[in-house]
Amino acid sequence: MFRGAFSRGILKMDKVETFFEQHLPATFDGFKIPIFVAVTDILSGKVYYINDGDVKPVILGSCSIPGLFKPVKYKQMLLVDGGVLNNLPVEPLQHFKDPIVGVHVNPVGEITKVSSTWSVLERTFHLGVFSNTVYREAKCAVLIEPNELKNTKVFDYKKAKDFYTIGYNQVMSQSQEILEKLSK
């Protein structure tokens, strides 16, 4: 799905881009419900919540983890993962009257050691991303945050199916709470 690149990132997302072209609408108007995508513009150092215009570059930018993937040019911006500055972006949803169901899949647990330079970098990235979610959790009517993910590694893609199952099980365990909050 990813292949090597050495221009501001070590991996390219060519296959991901093709997947998006095949399965997503070209513009945000093509979605059945409003969607906001959080991105960080590394030029301005600001987070943006984009919900209009072209879908593909915005979502690719949102997927671009700094250092691993090349930032994506969009308009006058250079986009990377919105989680760099806001990993629980409730702000664009607050003007709606519906309760907010927050989903946070990067909780932090304690660790006993770091074994390499890479593990220090990974842990530092994880802590930084986690720190910007704490005060936003209170803005959610329901927070879905699987405890089982606390001791996982951010970049452990080989366990993606396991992570999906953990998330699914967490949602199912909170389904009654979610339905109650949404019905009010």
N, C-alpha and C. Protein backbone atom coordinates (compact mmCIF):
# COMPACT_ATOMS: atom_id res chain seq x y z
N MET A 1 0.82 -1.19 0.00
CA MET A 1 0.00 0.00 0.00
C MET A 1 0.87 1.26 0.00
N PHE A 2 2.03 1.16 0.64
CA PHE A 2 2.94 2.29 0.69
C PHE A 2 4.24 1.91 -0.01
N ARG A 3 4.93 2.89 -0.60
CA ARG A 3 6.24 2.59 -1.16
C ARG A 3 7.21 3.70 -0.77
N GLY A 4 8.49 3.41 -0.83
CA GLY A 4 9.51 4.31 -0.34
C GLY A 4 9.59 5.63 -1.09
N ALA A 5 9.96 6.68 -0.36
CA ALA A 5 10.18 8.01 -0.91
C ALA A 5 11.10 8.75 0.05
N PHE A 6 11.91 9.66 -0.46
CA PHE A 6 12.81 10.35 0.44
C PHE A 6 12.74 11.87 0.30
N SER A 7 11.63 12.38 -0.10
CA SER A 7 11.44 13.82 -0.21
C SER A 7 10.45 14.26 0.87
N ARG A 8 10.96 14.62 2.03
CA ARG A 8 10.17 15.07 3.18
C ARG A 8 9.32 13.97 3.78
N GLY A 9 9.59 12.72 3.47
CA GLY A 9 8.88 11.59 4.04
C GLY A 9 9.52 10.32 3.52
N ILE A 10 9.39 9.25 4.26
CA ILE A 10 10.04 8.02 3.82
C ILE A 10 9.11 7.08 3.07
N LEU A 11 7.82 7.36 3.09
CA LEU A 11 6.86 6.51 2.39
C LEU A 11 5.96 7.35 1.50
N LYS A 12 5.51 6.76 0.39
CA LYS A 12 4.53 7.40 -0.49
C LYS A 12 3.20 6.68 -0.32
N MET A 13 2.14 7.37 -0.66
CA MET A 13 0.81 6.79 -0.52
C MET A 13 0.11 6.61 -1.86
N ASP A 14 0.84 6.16 -2.86
CA ASP A 14 0.27 6.01 -4.19
C ASP A 14 -0.97 5.11 -4.21
N LYS A 15 -0.88 3.95 -3.57
CA LYS A 15 -2.00 3.01 -3.57
C LYS A 15 -3.17 3.53 -2.73
N VAL A 16 -2.86 4.25 -1.66
CA VAL A 16 -3.92 4.85 -0.85
C VAL A 16 -4.65 5.90 -1.68
N GLU A 17 -3.89 6.68 -2.43
CA GLU A 17 -4.48 7.70 -3.30
C GLU A 17 -5.41 7.07 -4.33
N THR A 18 -4.98 5.98 -4.93
CA THR A 18 -5.82 5.26 -5.90
C THR A 18 -7.08 4.73 -5.23
N PHE A 19 -6.93 4.19 -4.03
CA PHE A 19 -8.08 3.68 -3.28
C PHE A 19 -9.08 4.81 -3.04
N PHE A 20 -8.61 5.98 -2.61
CA PHE A 20 -9.49 7.12 -2.37
C PHE A 20 -10.22 7.52 -3.64
N GLU A 21 -9.50 7.55 -4.77
CA GLU A 21 -10.12 7.92 -6.04
C GLU A 21 -11.25 6.97 -6.41
N GLN A 22 -11.09 5.70 -6.08
CA GLN A 22 -12.09 4.69 -6.43
C GLN A 22 -13.28 4.67 -5.47
N HIS A 23 -13.08 5.09 -4.21
CA HIS A 23 -14.12 4.88 -3.21
C HIS A 23 -14.68 6.15 -2.55
N LEU A 24 -14.12 7.28 -2.84
CA LEU A 24 -14.60 8.52 -2.22
C LEU A 24 -15.10 9.48 -3.29
N PRO A 25 -16.06 10.33 -2.95
CA PRO A 25 -16.48 11.34 -3.92
C PRO A 25 -15.35 12.33 -4.18
N ALA A 26 -15.40 13.00 -5.30
CA ALA A 26 -14.35 13.95 -5.67
C ALA A 26 -14.37 15.19 -4.78
N THR A 27 -15.59 15.62 -4.38
CA THR A 27 -15.70 16.81 -3.53
C THR A 27 -16.51 16.48 -2.28
N PHE A 28 -16.42 17.35 -1.30
CA PHE A 28 -17.14 17.15 -0.04
C PHE A 28 -18.65 17.17 -0.24
N ASP A 29 -19.12 17.82 -1.29
CA ASP A 29 -20.56 17.83 -1.59
C ASP A 29 -21.09 16.45 -1.90
N GLY A 30 -20.22 15.52 -2.27
CA GLY A 30 -20.63 14.17 -2.64
C GLY A 30 -20.93 13.25 -1.46
N PHE A 31 -20.63 13.69 -0.24
CA PHE A 31 -20.95 12.88 0.94
C PHE A 31 -22.41 13.06 1.33
N LYS A 32 -23.02 12.01 1.86
CA LYS A 32 -24.44 12.07 2.25
C LYS A 32 -24.65 12.88 3.52
N ILE A 33 -23.67 12.94 4.38
CA ILE A 33 -23.75 13.74 5.61
C ILE A 33 -22.55 14.68 5.64
N PRO A 34 -22.66 15.77 6.37
CA PRO A 34 -21.51 16.69 6.46
C PRO A 34 -20.30 15.98 7.08
N ILE A 35 -19.14 16.23 6.52
CA ILE A 35 -17.90 15.65 7.03
C ILE A 35 -16.86 16.76 7.15
N PHE A 36 -16.15 16.76 8.25
CA PHE A 36 -15.06 17.70 8.49
C PHE A 36 -13.78 16.89 8.65
N VAL A 37 -12.73 17.33 8.00
CA VAL A 37 -11.44 16.64 8.10
C VAL A 37 -10.45 17.61 8.74
N ALA A 38 -9.84 17.16 9.84
CA ALA A 38 -8.84 17.98 10.53
C ALA A 38 -7.48 17.76 9.88
N VAL A 39 -6.84 18.87 9.54
CA VAL A 39 -5.50 18.83 8.96
C VAL A 39 -4.65 19.90 9.64
N THR A 40 -3.36 19.67 9.65
CA THR A 40 -2.42 20.67 10.16
C THR A 40 -1.66 21.23 8.97
N ASP A 41 -1.68 22.55 8.84
CA ASP A 41 -0.86 23.21 7.82
C ASP A 41 0.49 23.49 8.48
N ILE A 42 1.53 22.78 8.04
CA ILE A 42 2.83 22.95 8.70
C ILE A 42 3.49 24.28 8.34
N LEU A 43 2.98 24.97 7.32
CA LEU A 43 3.53 26.28 6.99
C LEU A 43 3.06 27.34 7.98
N SER A 44 1.77 27.34 8.28
CA SER A 44 1.22 28.33 9.21
C SER A 44 1.25 27.85 10.65
N GLY A 45 1.37 26.53 10.84
CA GLY A 45 1.34 25.98 12.20
C GLY A 45 -0.06 25.98 12.79
N LYS A 46 -1.08 25.90 11.94
CA LYS A 46 -2.46 25.94 12.40
C LYS A 46 -3.21 24.68 11.98
N VAL A 47 -4.24 24.35 12.75
CA VAL A 47 -5.12 23.25 12.39
C VAL A 47 -6.33 23.85 11.66
N TYR A 48 -6.78 23.13 10.64
CA TYR A 48 -7.96 23.53 9.87
C TYR A 48 -8.93 22.37 9.82
N TYR A 49 -10.22 22.70 9.80
CA TYR A 49 -11.28 21.71 9.68
C TYR A 49 -11.94 21.96 8.34
N ILE A 50 -11.61 21.14 7.37
CA ILE A 50 -12.04 21.40 6.00
C ILE A 50 -13.27 20.55 5.68
N ASN A 51 -14.28 21.18 5.10
CA ASN A 51 -15.49 20.47 4.72
C ASN A 51 -16.04 20.89 3.36
N ASP A 52 -15.18 21.47 2.53
CA ASP A 52 -15.59 21.79 1.17
C ASP A 52 -14.39 21.70 0.25
N GLY A 53 -14.68 21.63 -1.05
CA GLY A 53 -13.61 21.52 -2.03
C GLY A 53 -13.26 20.07 -2.34
N ASP A 54 -12.05 19.86 -2.80
CA ASP A 54 -11.59 18.54 -3.20
C ASP A 54 -11.32 17.65 -2.00
N VAL A 55 -11.81 16.42 -2.06
CA VAL A 55 -11.69 15.48 -0.95
C VAL A 55 -10.29 14.86 -0.87
N LYS A 56 -9.80 14.36 -1.99
CA LYS A 56 -8.59 13.53 -1.98
C LYS A 56 -7.38 14.21 -1.34
N PRO A 57 -7.00 15.43 -1.73
CA PRO A 57 -5.80 16.00 -1.11
C PRO A 57 -5.97 16.29 0.37
N VAL A 58 -7.19 16.61 0.77
CA VAL A 58 -7.44 16.90 2.18
C VAL A 58 -7.31 15.63 3.03
N ILE A 59 -7.92 14.55 2.58
CA ILE A 59 -7.83 13.31 3.35
C ILE A 59 -6.42 12.74 3.29
N LEU A 60 -5.75 12.83 2.15
CA LEU A 60 -4.36 12.40 2.07
C LEU A 60 -3.49 13.21 3.03
N GLY A 61 -3.73 14.51 3.10
CA GLY A 61 -2.99 15.35 4.04
C GLY A 61 -3.25 14.94 5.48
N SER A 62 -4.51 14.64 5.77
CA SER A 62 -4.87 14.21 7.12
C SER A 62 -4.22 12.88 7.49
N CYS A 63 -3.93 12.06 6.51
CA CYS A 63 -3.27 10.77 6.74
C CYS A 63 -1.75 10.88 6.80
N SER A 64 -1.20 12.03 6.47
CA SER A 64 0.25 12.18 6.36
C SER A 64 0.90 12.40 7.72
N ILE A 65 1.37 11.32 8.29
CA ILE A 65 2.07 11.40 9.57
C ILE A 65 3.45 11.99 9.30
N PRO A 66 3.78 13.11 9.97
CA PRO A 66 5.05 13.79 9.69
C PRO A 66 6.25 12.85 9.83
N GLY A 67 7.14 12.93 8.86
CA GLY A 67 8.33 12.11 8.88
C GLY A 67 8.16 10.79 8.14
N LEU A 68 6.96 10.24 8.19
CA LEU A 68 6.70 8.99 7.48
C LEU A 68 6.18 9.25 6.08
N PHE A 69 5.27 10.21 5.95
CA PHE A 69 4.66 10.49 4.67
C PHE A 69 4.92 11.94 4.26
N LYS A 70 5.05 12.13 3.00
CA LYS A 70 5.27 13.46 2.44
C LYS A 70 4.04 14.32 2.69
N PRO A 71 4.21 15.56 3.15
CA PRO A 71 3.07 16.47 3.29
C PRO A 71 2.39 16.68 1.94
N VAL A 72 1.13 17.04 1.97
CA VAL A 72 0.33 17.19 0.75
C VAL A 72 0.05 18.67 0.49
N LYS A 73 0.37 19.12 -0.72
CA LYS A 73 0.07 20.50 -1.10
C LYS A 73 -1.42 20.63 -1.38
N TYR A 74 -2.03 21.66 -0.81
CA TYR A 74 -3.45 21.94 -1.04
C TYR A 74 -3.64 23.44 -0.91
N LYS A 75 -4.05 24.05 -2.00
CA LYS A 75 -4.19 25.51 -2.06
C LYS A 75 -2.85 26.13 -1.64
N GLN A 76 -2.84 26.96 -0.64
CA GLN A 76 -1.60 27.60 -0.19
C GLN A 76 -1.00 26.90 1.03
N MET A 77 -1.46 25.69 1.30
CA MET A 77 -1.05 24.98 2.52
C MET A 77 -0.21 23.76 2.20
N LEU A 78 0.47 23.25 3.22
CA LEU A 78 1.20 22.00 3.16
C LEU A 78 0.67 21.16 4.32
N LEU A 79 -0.18 20.18 3.99
CA LEU A 79 -0.96 19.47 4.99
C LEU A 79 -0.30 18.21 5.52
N VAL A 80 -0.45 18.02 6.84
CA VAL A 80 -0.10 16.78 7.52
C VAL A 80 -1.25 16.44 8.46
N ASP A 81 -1.10 15.34 9.16
CA ASP A 81 -2.10 14.83 10.09
C ASP A 81 -2.63 15.93 11.02
N GLY A 82 -3.94 16.10 11.04
CA GLY A 82 -4.55 17.08 11.92
C GLY A 82 -4.31 16.78 13.39
N GLY A 83 -4.07 15.50 13.72
CA GLY A 83 -3.82 15.10 15.09
C GLY A 83 -2.55 15.68 15.67
N VAL A 84 -1.67 16.20 14.85
CA VAL A 84 -0.48 16.86 15.37
C VAL A 84 -0.87 17.98 16.32
N LEU A 85 -1.92 18.71 15.97
CA LEU A 85 -2.38 19.81 16.81
C LEU A 85 -3.73 19.54 17.48
N ASN A 86 -4.53 18.63 16.91
CA ASN A 86 -5.84 18.35 17.50
C ASN A 86 -6.26 16.93 17.14
N ASN A 87 -6.07 16.01 18.06
CA ASN A 87 -6.38 14.62 17.79
C ASN A 87 -7.80 14.21 18.23
N LEU A 88 -8.57 15.15 18.71
CA LEU A 88 -9.97 14.91 19.02
C LEU A 88 -10.76 16.15 18.60
N PRO A 89 -10.90 16.35 17.29
CA PRO A 89 -11.43 17.62 16.77
C PRO A 89 -12.95 17.76 16.93
N VAL A 90 -13.36 18.20 18.10
CA VAL A 90 -14.78 18.41 18.36
C VAL A 90 -15.26 19.79 17.92
N GLU A 91 -14.34 20.72 17.73
CA GLU A 91 -14.70 22.11 17.46
C GLU A 91 -15.65 22.30 16.29
N PRO A 92 -15.45 21.67 15.13
CA PRO A 92 -16.38 21.93 14.03
C PRO A 92 -17.78 21.35 14.25
N LEU A 93 -17.92 20.50 15.26
CA LEU A 93 -19.21 19.87 15.53
C LEU A 93 -20.02 20.61 16.58
N GLN A 94 -19.41 21.52 17.30
CA GLN A 94 -20.08 22.16 18.43
C GLN A 94 -21.25 23.05 18.03
N HIS A 95 -21.28 23.53 16.81
CA HIS A 95 -22.41 24.39 16.41
C HIS A 95 -23.65 23.57 16.04
N PHE A 96 -23.49 22.25 15.88
CA PHE A 96 -24.65 21.40 15.66
C PHE A 96 -25.32 21.16 17.01
N LYS A 97 -26.59 20.85 16.99
CA LYS A 97 -27.30 20.64 18.25
C LYS A 97 -27.22 19.20 18.75
N ASP A 98 -26.70 18.31 17.93
CA ASP A 98 -26.60 16.91 18.31
C ASP A 98 -25.47 16.68 19.31
N PRO A 99 -25.64 15.68 20.18
CA PRO A 99 -24.53 15.33 21.10
C PRO A 99 -23.33 14.83 20.30
N ILE A 100 -22.16 15.08 20.82
CA ILE A 100 -20.93 14.66 20.15
C ILE A 100 -20.48 13.33 20.72
N VAL A 101 -20.25 12.38 19.83
CA VAL A 101 -19.66 11.11 20.21
C VAL A 101 -18.20 11.17 19.75
N GLY A 102 -17.30 11.26 20.72
CA GLY A 102 -15.88 11.35 20.41
C GLY A 102 -15.25 9.98 20.31
N VAL A 103 -14.34 9.82 19.39
CA VAL A 103 -13.61 8.56 19.23
C VAL A 103 -12.13 8.88 19.32
N HIS A 104 -11.50 8.32 20.33
CA HIS A 104 -10.07 8.54 20.52
C HIS A 104 -9.37 7.19 20.57
N VAL A 105 -8.54 6.93 19.56
CA VAL A 105 -7.91 5.62 19.45
C VAL A 105 -6.42 5.64 19.77
N ASN A 106 -5.94 6.73 20.39
CA ASN A 106 -4.54 6.83 20.77
C ASN A 106 -4.37 7.10 22.26
N PRO A 107 -5.07 6.34 23.14
CA PRO A 107 -4.87 6.59 24.57
C PRO A 107 -3.45 6.19 24.96
N VAL A 108 -2.96 6.79 26.04
CA VAL A 108 -1.59 6.53 26.47
C VAL A 108 -1.60 5.75 27.77
N GLY A 109 -0.85 4.69 27.79
CA GLY A 109 -0.61 3.93 29.01
C GLY A 109 0.82 4.13 29.46
N GLU A 110 1.14 3.62 30.61
CA GLU A 110 2.51 3.72 31.09
C GLU A 110 3.36 2.62 30.47
N ILE A 111 4.63 2.92 30.28
CA ILE A 111 5.56 1.92 29.77
C ILE A 111 6.72 1.81 30.76
N THR A 112 7.45 0.72 30.70
CA THR A 112 8.54 0.51 31.64
C THR A 112 9.91 0.84 31.06
N LYS A 113 10.02 0.85 29.72
CA LYS A 113 11.31 1.18 29.10
C LYS A 113 11.10 1.57 27.64
N VAL A 114 12.12 2.22 27.11
CA VAL A 114 12.20 2.46 25.67
C VAL A 114 13.50 1.80 25.22
N SER A 115 13.44 1.11 24.11
CA SER A 115 14.57 0.26 23.74
C SER A 115 15.42 0.78 22.58
N SER A 116 14.99 1.86 21.95
CA SER A 116 15.74 2.35 20.79
C SER A 116 15.40 3.82 20.54
N THR A 117 16.17 4.42 19.67
CA THR A 117 15.89 5.80 19.27
C THR A 117 14.49 5.89 18.65
N TRP A 118 14.15 4.91 17.82
CA TRP A 118 12.84 4.89 17.18
C TRP A 118 11.73 4.83 18.24
N SER A 119 11.91 4.01 19.29
CA SER A 119 10.86 3.90 20.30
C SER A 119 10.72 5.20 21.10
N VAL A 120 11.82 5.93 21.27
CA VAL A 120 11.75 7.25 21.93
C VAL A 120 10.96 8.21 21.05
N LEU A 121 11.27 8.23 19.75
CA LEU A 121 10.55 9.12 18.83
C LEU A 121 9.07 8.76 18.77
N GLU A 122 8.77 7.47 18.68
CA GLU A 122 7.38 7.02 18.62
C GLU A 122 6.62 7.40 19.89
N ARG A 123 7.23 7.17 21.04
CA ARG A 123 6.59 7.49 22.32
C ARG A 123 6.37 9.00 22.44
N THR A 124 7.34 9.78 22.03
CA THR A 124 7.23 11.24 22.10
C THR A 124 6.09 11.73 21.21
N PHE A 125 6.00 11.20 20.00
CA PHE A 125 4.91 11.56 19.10
C PHE A 125 3.56 11.19 19.74
N HIS A 126 3.48 10.00 20.29
CA HIS A 126 2.24 9.51 20.91
C HIS A 126 1.83 10.42 22.07
N LEU A 127 2.77 10.78 22.93
CA LEU A 127 2.47 11.65 24.07
C LEU A 127 2.01 13.03 23.61
N GLY A 128 2.67 13.57 22.59
CA GLY A 128 2.29 14.88 22.08
C GLY A 128 0.88 14.89 21.52
N VAL A 129 0.56 13.87 20.75
CA VAL A 129 -0.77 13.75 20.16
C VAL A 129 -1.81 13.56 21.26
N PHE A 130 -1.51 12.73 22.23
CA PHE A 130 -2.46 12.48 23.32
C PHE A 130 -2.73 13.74 24.14
N SER A 131 -1.70 14.53 24.38
CA SER A 131 -1.86 15.70 25.26
C SER A 131 -2.87 16.70 24.74
N ASN A 132 -3.08 16.74 23.43
CA ASN A 132 -4.03 17.73 22.91
C ASN A 132 -5.47 17.23 22.91
N THR A 133 -5.72 16.05 23.46
CA THR A 133 -7.09 15.53 23.50
C THR A 133 -7.75 15.69 24.86
N VAL A 134 -6.96 15.82 25.91
CA VAL A 134 -7.47 15.71 27.27
C VAL A 134 -8.62 16.68 27.55
N TYR A 135 -8.45 17.97 27.30
CA TYR A 135 -9.52 18.91 27.63
C TYR A 135 -10.71 18.80 26.67
N ARG A 136 -10.53 18.23 25.49
CA ARG A 136 -11.63 18.09 24.54
C ARG A 136 -12.56 16.93 24.90
N GLU A 137 -12.07 15.99 25.68
CA GLU A 137 -12.89 14.84 26.08
C GLU A 137 -14.16 15.29 26.79
N ALA A 138 -14.08 16.34 27.59
CA ALA A 138 -15.23 16.84 28.35
C ALA A 138 -16.31 17.42 27.43
N LYS A 139 -15.98 17.72 26.20
CA LYS A 139 -16.95 18.28 25.26
C LYS A 139 -17.75 17.20 24.54
N CYS A 140 -17.45 15.95 24.85
CA CYS A 140 -18.13 14.83 24.21
C CYS A 140 -19.22 14.29 25.13
N ALA A 141 -20.39 14.03 24.57
CA ALA A 141 -21.47 13.39 25.34
C ALA A 141 -21.07 11.96 25.66
N VAL A 142 -20.39 11.33 24.73
CA VAL A 142 -19.87 9.97 24.90
C VAL A 142 -18.45 9.96 24.34
N LEU A 143 -17.54 9.34 25.06
CA LEU A 143 -16.18 9.18 24.57
C LEU A 143 -15.90 7.69 24.40
N ILE A 144 -15.53 7.32 23.19
CA ILE A 144 -15.13 5.95 22.89
C ILE A 144 -13.61 5.95 22.86
N GLU A 145 -13.01 5.28 23.84
CA GLU A 145 -11.56 5.25 23.97
C GLU A 145 -11.16 3.87 24.49
N PRO A 146 -10.87 2.95 23.59
CA PRO A 146 -10.57 1.58 24.01
C PRO A 146 -9.31 1.48 24.87
N ASN A 147 -9.49 1.07 26.12
CA ASN A 147 -8.35 0.91 27.03
C ASN A 147 -7.34 -0.09 26.51
N GLU A 148 -7.80 -1.07 25.75
CA GLU A 148 -6.89 -2.09 25.22
C GLU A 148 -5.84 -1.51 24.27
N LEU A 149 -6.06 -0.29 23.79
CA LEU A 149 -5.11 0.34 22.88
C LEU A 149 -4.03 1.14 23.61
N LYS A 150 -4.12 1.21 24.95
CA LYS A 150 -3.17 2.03 25.71
C LYS A 150 -1.72 1.58 25.57
N ASN A 151 -1.50 0.33 25.38
CA ASN A 151 -0.12 -0.16 25.30
C ASN A 151 0.26 -0.64 23.91
N THR A 152 -0.44 -0.13 22.90
CA THR A 152 -0.10 -0.47 21.52
C THR A 152 0.84 0.59 20.97
N LYS A 153 1.51 0.24 19.91
CA LYS A 153 2.41 1.19 19.27
C LYS A 153 1.68 1.89 18.14
N VAL A 154 1.89 3.17 18.02
CA VAL A 154 1.20 4.00 17.04
C VAL A 154 1.40 3.47 15.62
N PHE A 155 2.60 3.00 15.31
CA PHE A 155 2.92 2.63 13.94
C PHE A 155 2.91 1.12 13.71
N ASP A 156 2.19 0.37 14.54
CA ASP A 156 2.15 -1.09 14.41
C ASP A 156 1.04 -1.49 13.45
N TYR A 157 1.27 -1.26 12.16
CA TYR A 157 0.26 -1.50 11.13
C TYR A 157 -0.07 -2.98 10.96
N LYS A 158 0.82 -3.85 11.36
CA LYS A 158 0.58 -5.29 11.19
C LYS A 158 -0.57 -5.78 12.06
N LYS A 159 -0.93 -5.00 13.07
CA LYS A 159 -2.02 -5.39 13.96
C LYS A 159 -3.31 -4.63 13.66
N ALA A 160 -3.42 -4.09 12.46
CA ALA A 160 -4.58 -3.26 12.09
C ALA A 160 -5.90 -3.99 12.30
N LYS A 161 -5.98 -5.25 11.92
CA LYS A 161 -7.23 -6.01 12.10
C LYS A 161 -7.56 -6.17 13.58
N ASP A 162 -6.54 -6.40 14.40
CA ASP A 162 -6.75 -6.51 15.85
C ASP A 162 -7.26 -5.19 16.40
N PHE A 163 -6.67 -4.09 15.95
CA PHE A 163 -7.10 -2.77 16.42
C PHE A 163 -8.55 -2.48 16.01
N TYR A 164 -8.90 -2.87 14.81
CA TYR A 164 -10.28 -2.71 14.34
C TYR A 164 -11.23 -3.48 15.25
N THR A 165 -10.88 -4.72 15.57
CA THR A 165 -11.73 -5.55 16.43
C THR A 165 -11.86 -4.94 17.82
N ILE A 166 -10.76 -4.43 18.36
CA ILE A 166 -10.80 -3.77 19.67
C ILE A 166 -11.75 -2.58 19.62
N GLY A 167 -11.64 -1.75 18.59
CA GLY A 167 -12.52 -0.59 18.45
C GLY A 167 -13.98 -0.99 18.30
N TYR A 168 -14.22 -1.98 17.47
CA TYR A 168 -15.59 -2.46 17.26
C TYR A 168 -16.18 -2.96 18.58
N ASN A 169 -15.43 -3.75 19.30
CA ASN A 169 -15.92 -4.29 20.58
C ASN A 169 -16.19 -3.17 21.58
N GLN A 170 -15.35 -2.14 21.57
CA GLN A 170 -15.57 -1.01 22.49
C GLN A 170 -16.87 -0.29 22.15
N VAL A 171 -17.10 -0.05 20.87
CA VAL A 171 -18.35 0.61 20.45
C VAL A 171 -19.55 -0.24 20.85
N MET A 172 -19.47 -1.53 20.61
CA MET A 172 -20.59 -2.41 20.96
C MET A 172 -20.83 -2.41 22.47
N SER A 173 -19.77 -2.36 23.27
CA SER A 173 -19.95 -2.35 24.72
C SER A 173 -20.56 -1.04 25.21
N GLN A 174 -20.44 0.03 24.42
CA GLN A 174 -21.00 1.33 24.79
C GLN A 174 -22.25 1.66 23.97
N SER A 175 -22.75 0.71 23.20
CA SER A 175 -23.85 1.01 22.29
C SER A 175 -25.09 1.54 23.00
N GLN A 176 -25.42 0.98 24.14
CA GLN A 176 -26.60 1.45 24.87
C GLN A 176 -26.42 2.90 25.31
N GLU A 177 -25.25 3.22 25.85
CA GLU A 177 -24.95 4.59 26.27
C GLU A 177 -25.01 5.55 25.07
N ILE A 178 -24.45 5.14 23.95
CA ILE A 178 -24.46 5.97 22.75
C ILE A 178 -25.89 6.24 22.30
N LEU A 179 -26.70 5.20 22.23
CA LEU A 179 -28.10 5.35 21.80
C LEU A 179 -28.88 6.24 22.75
N GLU A 180 -28.65 6.10 24.04
CA GLU A 180 -29.34 6.94 25.03
C GLU A 180 -28.98 8.40 24.85
N LYS A 181 -27.70 8.71 24.68
CA LYS A 181 -27.26 10.09 24.53
C LYS A 181 -27.77 10.70 23.22
N LEU A 182 -27.79 9.90 22.16
CA LEU A 182 -28.24 10.41 20.87
C LEU A 182 -29.75 10.59 20.80
N SER A 183 -30.48 9.89 21.64
CA SER A 183 -31.94 10.00 21.60
C SER A 183 -32.48 11.18 22.39
N LYS A 184 -31.63 11.85 23.15
CA LYS A 184 -32.08 13.00 23.95
C LYS A 184 -32.20 14.24 23.14
